[in-house]
Protein backbone atom coordinates (compact mmCIF):
# COMPACT_ATOMS: atom_id res chain seq x y z
CA MET A 1 -35.55 215.61 190.39
CA ASN A 2 -38.36 216.22 187.93
CA SER A 3 -37.20 219.01 185.61
CA VAL A 4 -35.02 219.25 182.49
CA TYR A 5 -33.59 222.26 180.66
CA ILE A 6 -32.24 221.82 177.11
CA HIS A 7 -30.16 224.56 175.50
CA ILE A 8 -30.32 225.23 171.76
CA PRO A 9 -27.55 227.78 171.04
CA PHE A 10 -28.43 228.75 167.46
CA CYS A 11 -29.83 232.13 166.37
CA LYS A 12 -30.59 233.74 163.02
CA SER A 13 -29.20 237.03 164.35
CA ILE A 14 -27.38 238.13 167.50
CA CYS A 15 -29.01 240.73 169.77
CA THR A 16 -26.80 243.55 171.01
CA TYR A 17 -27.42 242.82 174.73
CA CYS A 18 -27.26 239.01 174.72
CA ASP A 19 -24.55 237.22 176.69
CA PHE A 20 -26.10 233.75 176.51
CA CYS A 21 -24.10 230.99 174.85
CA LYS A 22 -25.11 231.26 171.19
CA GLN A 23 -23.91 231.20 167.60
CA LEU A 24 -25.35 232.04 164.21
CA TYR A 25 -27.50 229.42 162.50
CA ASN A 26 -25.36 226.86 160.66
CA GLU A 27 -26.81 223.63 159.27
CA THR A 28 -23.56 221.67 159.61
CA ASN A 29 -23.10 222.74 163.22
CA ILE A 30 -26.73 222.00 164.08
CA LYS A 31 -26.37 218.46 162.74
CA LYS A 32 -23.23 217.88 164.82
CA TYR A 33 -24.81 219.48 167.86
CA LEU A 34 -27.92 217.32 167.81
CA ILE A 35 -25.79 214.16 167.56
CA SER A 36 -23.89 215.17 170.70
CA LEU A 37 -27.05 216.33 172.50
CA LYS A 38 -28.53 212.87 171.97
CA GLU A 39 -25.34 211.31 173.29
CA GLU A 40 -25.37 213.51 176.40
CA ILE A 41 -29.02 212.84 177.24
CA THR A 42 -28.67 209.10 176.60
CA ASP A 43 -25.58 208.94 178.80
CA ARG A 44 -26.73 211.07 181.75
CA TYR A 45 -30.51 210.88 182.02
CA ASN A 46 -31.72 208.22 184.44
CA GLY A 47 -35.29 207.79 183.24
CA GLU A 48 -37.08 209.88 185.87
CA GLU A 49 -40.67 210.90 185.15
CA LEU A 50 -40.64 214.63 184.41
CA ASP A 51 -42.96 217.39 185.55
CA THR A 52 -41.37 220.13 183.46
CA LEU A 53 -39.23 220.50 180.36
CA TYR A 54 -37.89 223.81 179.07
CA ILE A 55 -36.29 224.24 175.64
CA GLY A 56 -34.38 227.54 175.61
CA GLY A 57 -31.50 229.23 173.89
CA GLY A 58 -30.33 230.81 171.76
CA THR A 59 -33.41 230.50 169.65
CA PRO A 60 -34.93 227.00 169.48
CA SER A 61 -37.44 228.18 166.88
CA SER A 62 -34.58 229.03 164.50
CA LEU A 63 -34.30 225.32 163.64
CA ASN A 64 -36.10 224.22 160.47
CA MET A 65 -38.75 221.51 160.55
CA ASN A 66 -36.38 218.64 159.78
CA GLN A 67 -34.02 219.78 162.51
CA LEU A 68 -36.92 220.16 164.94
CA LYS A 69 -38.09 216.64 164.15
CA GLU A 70 -34.62 215.36 164.96
CA LEU A 71 -34.60 217.38 168.19
CA PHE A 72 -37.94 215.96 169.25
CA ASN A 73 -36.82 212.43 168.43
CA ILE A 74 -34.08 213.06 170.98
CA ILE A 75 -36.57 214.52 173.45
CA ASN A 76 -38.55 211.27 173.21
CA ILE A 77 -35.75 209.68 175.25
CA LEU A 78 -37.23 211.57 178.21
CA ASN A 79 -40.19 210.31 180.21
CA LEU A 80 -42.91 212.85 179.41
CA ASN A 81 -45.88 210.60 180.21
CA ASN A 82 -47.21 212.96 182.88
CA ILE A 83 -45.54 216.22 181.87
CA LYS A 84 -47.21 219.23 183.50
CA GLU A 85 -45.41 222.05 181.71
CA PHE A 86 -43.40 221.90 178.47
CA THR A 87 -42.07 225.31 177.44
CA PHE A 88 -40.55 226.17 174.07
CA GLU A 89 -38.92 229.55 173.36
CA CYS A 90 -39.82 231.29 170.09
CA ASN A 91 -38.93 234.41 168.18
CA VAL A 92 -41.96 236.09 166.65
CA ASN A 93 -40.76 235.88 163.05
CA ASP A 94 -40.21 232.10 163.34
CA ILE A 95 -43.80 231.35 164.32
CA THR A 96 -45.85 229.57 161.66
CA GLU A 97 -48.96 227.42 161.83
CA GLU A 98 -46.86 224.41 160.83
CA LEU A 99 -44.48 225.02 163.73
CA ILE A 100 -47.23 225.48 166.32
CA ILE A 101 -49.16 222.39 165.19
CA PHE A 102 -45.93 220.37 165.37
CA LEU A 103 -45.15 221.63 168.88
CA LYS A 104 -48.71 220.94 170.08
CA GLU A 105 -48.56 217.40 168.68
CA ASN A 106 -45.32 216.87 170.61
CA LYS A 107 -46.70 217.85 174.04
CA VAL A 108 -45.52 221.48 174.15
CA ASN A 109 -48.14 223.36 176.20
CA ARG A 110 -46.36 226.65 176.93
CA LEU A 111 -44.65 229.14 174.62
CA SER A 112 -42.27 231.92 175.64
CA ILE A 113 -42.12 234.63 172.99
CA GLY A 114 -39.27 237.12 172.85
CA VAL A 115 -41.14 240.31 171.99
CA GLU A 116 -38.97 242.61 174.18
CA SER A 117 -40.53 245.84 172.86
CA PHE A 118 -42.68 247.39 170.14
CA ASN A 119 -40.79 250.68 170.18
CA LYS A 120 -38.86 251.17 166.93
CA ASP A 121 -35.93 252.95 168.58
CA LYS A 122 -35.60 250.30 171.27
CA LEU A 123 -35.82 247.51 168.70
CA LYS A 124 -33.15 249.14 166.55
CA PHE A 125 -30.93 249.50 169.62
CA MET A 126 -31.36 245.79 170.45
CA GLU A 127 -31.20 244.70 166.78
CA ARG A 128 -34.53 242.92 167.09
CA TYR A 129 -37.84 242.85 165.23
CA SER A 130 -41.38 242.98 166.63
CA ASP A 131 -44.59 244.23 165.04
CA PHE A 132 -47.71 244.47 167.16
CA ASN A 133 -50.20 243.33 164.53
CA ASP A 134 -47.95 240.43 163.55
CA VAL A 135 -47.60 239.30 167.17
CA LYS A 136 -51.36 239.67 167.75
CA THR A 137 -52.16 237.53 164.70
CA LYS A 138 -49.70 234.86 165.72
CA ILE A 139 -50.91 234.70 169.32
CA GLU A 140 -54.47 234.25 168.06
CA MET A 141 -53.24 231.42 165.83
CA ILE A 142 -51.36 229.82 168.75
CA ARG A 143 -54.48 229.87 170.92
CA ASN A 144 -56.63 228.51 168.10
CA THR A 145 -54.18 225.60 167.82
CA GLY A 146 -54.77 224.79 171.48
CA ILE A 147 -51.73 226.16 173.29
CA ASN A 148 -53.15 228.40 175.99
CA ASN A 149 -50.18 229.29 178.14
CA ILE A 150 -48.13 232.11 176.58
CA ASN A 151 -45.33 234.16 178.10
CA ILE A 152 -44.12 237.43 176.63
CA ASP A 153 -40.74 238.96 177.48
CA LEU A 154 -40.35 242.72 177.96
CA ILE A 155 -37.03 244.55 178.22
CA TYR A 156 -36.93 248.04 179.71
CA GLY A 157 -34.28 250.46 180.90
CA ILE A 158 -32.85 251.07 177.42
CA PRO A 159 -30.72 254.25 177.06
CA ASN A 160 -32.92 257.21 176.08
CA GLU A 161 -36.10 255.28 176.93
CA THR A 162 -38.66 257.37 178.81
CA ILE A 163 -41.31 256.26 181.27
CA ASN A 164 -43.90 257.03 178.56
CA ASP A 165 -42.10 254.68 176.16
CA LEU A 166 -42.38 251.96 178.77
CA LYS A 167 -46.07 252.70 179.37
CA LYS A 168 -46.80 252.36 175.65
CA ASP A 169 -44.92 249.05 175.46
CA LEU A 170 -46.73 247.64 178.49
CA ASN A 171 -50.15 248.75 177.22
CA LEU A 172 -49.56 247.00 173.90
CA ILE A 173 -48.39 243.82 175.63
CA LEU A 174 -51.51 243.86 177.81
CA LYS A 175 -53.68 244.11 174.69
CA LEU A 176 -52.23 240.72 173.68
CA LYS A 177 -53.57 239.19 176.93
CA PRO A 178 -50.57 236.95 177.67
CA ASP A 179 -50.85 234.51 180.55
CA HIS A 180 -47.40 235.40 181.84
CA ILE A 181 -45.09 238.41 181.48
CA SER A 182 -41.35 238.36 182.19
CA THR A 183 -39.81 241.80 182.59
CA TYR A 184 -36.09 242.48 182.47
CA SER A 185 -34.19 245.67 183.07
CA LEU A 186 -31.37 245.93 180.54
CA ILE A 187 -28.11 244.59 181.97
CA LEU A 188 -24.90 245.59 180.23
CA GLU A 189 -23.07 242.28 180.18
CA GLU A 190 -19.39 241.91 179.38
CA TYR A 191 -18.43 240.95 175.80
CA THR A 192 -21.78 241.99 174.29
CA LYS A 193 -22.09 244.50 171.46
CA LEU A 194 -23.33 247.09 173.93
CA THR A 195 -20.30 246.97 176.21
CA ILE A 196 -17.95 246.84 173.23
CA ASN A 197 -19.61 250.08 172.09
CA ASN A 198 -19.28 251.53 175.61
CA VAL A 199 -23.03 251.99 176.15
CA LYS A 200 -23.84 253.44 179.58
CA PRO A 201 -26.72 252.36 181.87
CA ILE A 202 -29.73 254.57 182.50
CA ASP A 203 -30.20 256.57 185.69
CA GLU A 204 -30.96 254.30 188.67
CA GLU A 205 -33.87 256.43 189.85
CA LEU A 206 -35.53 256.20 186.43
CA GLU A 207 -34.95 252.44 186.39
CA LEU A 208 -36.61 252.13 189.79
CA GLU A 209 -39.52 254.30 188.64
CA MET A 210 -39.98 251.96 185.65
CA TYR A 211 -39.86 248.86 187.85
CA ASN A 212 -42.43 250.24 190.27
CA TYR A 213 -44.69 251.32 187.40
CA ILE A 214 -44.60 247.78 185.95
CA ARG A 215 -45.48 246.27 189.34
CA LYS A 216 -48.40 248.65 189.89
CA LYS A 217 -49.76 248.42 186.35
CA LEU A 218 -49.68 244.63 186.12
CA LYS A 219 -51.20 244.24 189.57
CA SER A 220 -54.09 246.46 188.44
CA LYS A 221 -54.64 244.05 185.54
CA LYS A 222 -54.86 241.00 187.85
CA TYR A 223 -51.33 239.73 187.22
CA ILE A 224 -49.73 238.13 190.27
CA HIS A 225 -46.23 239.36 191.00
CA TYR A 226 -44.80 236.02 192.13
CA GLU A 227 -41.07 236.51 191.45
CA ILE A 228 -38.96 239.63 191.30
CA SER A 229 -39.14 239.86 187.47
CA ASN A 230 -42.17 237.67 186.70
CA PHE A 231 -45.93 238.20 186.64
CA ALA A 232 -48.68 235.68 185.90
CA LEU A 233 -52.42 235.32 185.76
CA SER A 234 -53.83 232.94 188.37
CA ASP A 235 -52.41 229.39 188.03
CA LYS A 236 -50.11 230.41 185.17
CA GLU A 237 -46.90 230.79 187.16
CA SER A 238 -43.92 229.02 185.56
CA ILE A 239 -43.70 225.61 187.27
CA HIS A 240 -40.26 225.03 185.76
CA ASN A 241 -38.76 228.28 187.05
CA ILE A 242 -40.36 227.86 190.48
CA ASN A 243 -38.41 224.60 190.69
CA TYR A 244 -35.20 226.63 190.32
CA TRP A 245 -36.28 229.19 192.92
CA ASN A 246 -37.21 226.40 195.34
CA ASN A 247 -33.59 225.22 195.07
CA GLU A 248 -34.69 221.82 193.76
CA GLU A 249 -32.59 219.57 191.52
CA TYR A 250 -32.80 219.47 187.72
CA TYR A 251 -30.96 218.29 184.63
CA GLY A 252 -29.32 220.75 182.24
CA PHE A 253 -28.43 219.41 178.79
CA GLY A 254 -26.66 221.19 175.94
CA LEU A 255 -23.93 223.75 175.44
CA SER A 256 -23.39 225.92 178.58
CA ALA A 257 -26.36 224.34 180.40
CA HIS A 258 -26.28 224.18 184.19
CA GLY A 259 -27.67 221.34 186.28
CA TYR A 260 -28.04 220.25 189.89
CA ILE A 261 -28.21 216.48 190.44
CA ASP A 262 -27.60 214.37 193.57
CA GLY A 263 -26.17 217.33 195.46
CA ILE A 264 -23.74 218.22 192.66
CA ARG A 265 -23.98 221.45 190.68
CA TYR A 266 -22.41 221.28 187.23
CA GLU A 267 -21.83 223.57 184.28
CA ASN A 268 -21.48 222.30 180.73
CA THR A 269 -18.76 223.60 178.46
CA LYS A 270 -19.33 226.75 176.41
CA ASN A 271 -16.83 225.50 173.84
CA PHE A 272 -18.73 224.18 170.83
CA ASN A 273 -15.84 222.01 169.60
CA LYS A 274 -15.47 220.37 172.99
CA TYR A 275 -19.20 219.73 173.17
CA ILE A 276 -19.41 218.00 169.80
CA GLU A 277 -16.45 215.86 170.89
CA ASN A 278 -18.72 214.75 173.77
CA ASN A 279 -16.67 216.56 176.41
CA PHE A 280 -19.83 217.92 178.00
CA VAL A 281 -19.10 219.04 181.56
CA ALA A 282 -16.71 221.94 182.18
CA LYS A 283 -16.89 221.92 185.95
CA GLN A 284 -18.84 220.43 188.82
CA GLU A 285 -18.82 220.69 192.58
CA ILE A 286 -20.46 219.01 195.54
CA VAL A 287 -22.71 221.51 197.28
CA GLY A 288 -22.17 221.45 201.04
CA ILE A 289 -24.94 222.04 203.56
CA LYS A 290 -23.93 225.66 204.24
CA GLU A 291 -23.89 226.54 200.54
CA ARG A 292 -27.22 224.76 200.02
CA MET A 293 -28.77 226.95 202.70
CA GLU A 294 -27.21 230.09 201.20
CA ASN A 295 -28.61 229.11 197.79
CA GLU A 296 -31.99 228.60 199.46
CA LEU A 297 -31.91 232.26 200.51
CA MET A 298 -30.56 233.68 197.24
CA LEU A 299 -33.13 231.80 195.19
CA GLY A 300 -36.01 231.72 197.65
CA PHE A 301 -36.05 235.46 198.26
CA ARG A 302 -36.56 236.00 194.52
CA LYS A 303 -40.08 234.68 195.16
CA ILE A 304 -42.43 237.40 196.38
CA LYS A 305 -43.93 235.08 199.00
CA GLY A 306 -40.40 234.25 200.15
CA ILE A 307 -39.25 231.26 202.17
CA ASN A 308 -41.48 228.91 204.15
CA LEU A 309 -39.86 228.46 207.57
CA GLU A 310 -41.29 224.98 208.15
CA GLU A 311 -40.06 223.77 204.77
CA PHE A 312 -36.61 225.23 205.48
CA PHE A 313 -36.48 223.35 208.79
CA ASN A 314 -37.62 220.11 207.19
CA LYS A 315 -34.91 220.41 204.52
CA TYR A 316 -32.00 221.33 206.79
CA GLU A 317 -33.11 220.35 210.32
CA VAL A 318 -32.29 223.79 211.65
CA ASN A 319 -34.22 227.02 212.17
CA ILE A 320 -33.32 229.72 209.67
CA GLN A 321 -32.61 232.30 212.38
CA GLU A 322 -29.97 229.99 213.90
CA VAL A 323 -27.97 230.16 210.65
CA PHE A 324 -28.64 233.63 209.26
CA PRO A 325 -29.09 237.03 210.96
CA VAL A 326 -32.73 237.48 210.01
CA LYS A 327 -33.90 239.13 213.26
CA PRO A 328 -32.17 242.51 212.68
CA LEU A 329 -33.56 242.59 209.14
CA LEU A 330 -37.05 241.85 210.44
CA LYS A 331 -36.63 244.67 212.94
CA ASN A 332 -35.60 247.22 210.30
CA LYS A 333 -38.29 245.90 207.93
CA ASP A 334 -35.93 244.72 205.19
CA LEU A 335 -37.66 241.39 205.77
CA ILE A 336 -41.27 240.67 206.77
CA TYR A 337 -42.70 237.61 208.54
CA LYS A 338 -46.26 236.56 207.72
CA ASN A 339 -48.20 233.29 207.79
CA GLY A 340 -45.12 231.12 208.21
CA TYR A 341 -43.08 232.85 205.49
CA ILE A 342 -40.20 235.31 205.58
CA PHE A 343 -39.99 237.54 202.50
CA ILE A 344 -38.35 240.73 201.31
CA ASN A 345 -40.35 243.86 201.98
CA PRO A 346 -42.12 244.60 198.65
CA ASP A 347 -40.97 248.24 198.92
CA LYS A 348 -37.35 247.00 199.02
CA LEU A 349 -37.37 244.40 196.25
CA TYR A 350 -35.19 246.62 194.14
CA ILE A 351 -32.35 246.38 196.67
CA MET A 352 -32.67 242.60 197.11
CA ASN A 353 -28.94 242.07 196.50
CA GLU A 354 -28.03 244.50 199.28
CA ILE A 355 -30.35 242.65 201.67
CA LEU A 356 -28.84 239.29 200.71
CA LEU A 357 -25.37 240.66 201.42
CA LYS A 358 -26.48 241.46 204.95
CA LEU A 359 -27.67 237.86 205.36
CA ILE A 360 -24.82 235.96 203.70
């Protein structure tokens, strides 16, 4: 176990598509939350030396400087002596030189910026703000401060969006020269503003065309497609997220956070009042060997290079084909075997869930 995720649920505004555990910025609630977060980390963290730390949300950058200083005092409980990757999520309009200098001084070496789009209609639909020149200026400032690992998020598949709209968005993002790009097709989650307003998804064929365009375009610009939704320049893959996809253990701290420790998967409460009363965990379960192997497939096949057969055998002392019906899927080319790995055929990534259903 060498990774920690910390959830900061506060936002200055709520996006129409978001189903993450969040609430509007409130100074009183933030104060109470940080007290309980410190209690949770103090109580449950066992002092392991960490490779990765990820601060997500919500919007961590919505906290003011005093609140951030309190948060980082809590983070100092963790052993970050040899931290490899420390990611902090930011909204564009929160980024200031003061914030970036503070983060750099506190070992943050990777920023994830929620741009999502530069298209005015898409931004209005999502109730977000992004301005290209503003983002460009702030990325230049971030790099000048010494943080040289930047992810940008892109959302596509918005109702009424055309393939040309997507091309314009992607071209502008590429002009920013991010080290990593996360791309997400809009998902209409339950209890979001979009589903309440009965918004309908776009045509599946158009969505697939958009996905394939993104893959081809980013590959042409030397981005490595290393996970179904993620692209990175060489050596800039997300170490923290790879830990998830490798089905390794990690701590999750904060409201609604998930963790996987000592063979037990747990989910923290989404109820703010329960959390600040220090009733942190909502449910937990011991993960049996069969479920561990199933998780290995569901997570491992998200990686473009797939699952290493030798590593699978070393983990579970059984050959993968003795547990799962991989041979028929190799025969029909849903799966491909190469250099000791089994992976989903790149031409069939878009139907990954259907392939997993055949396996599990």
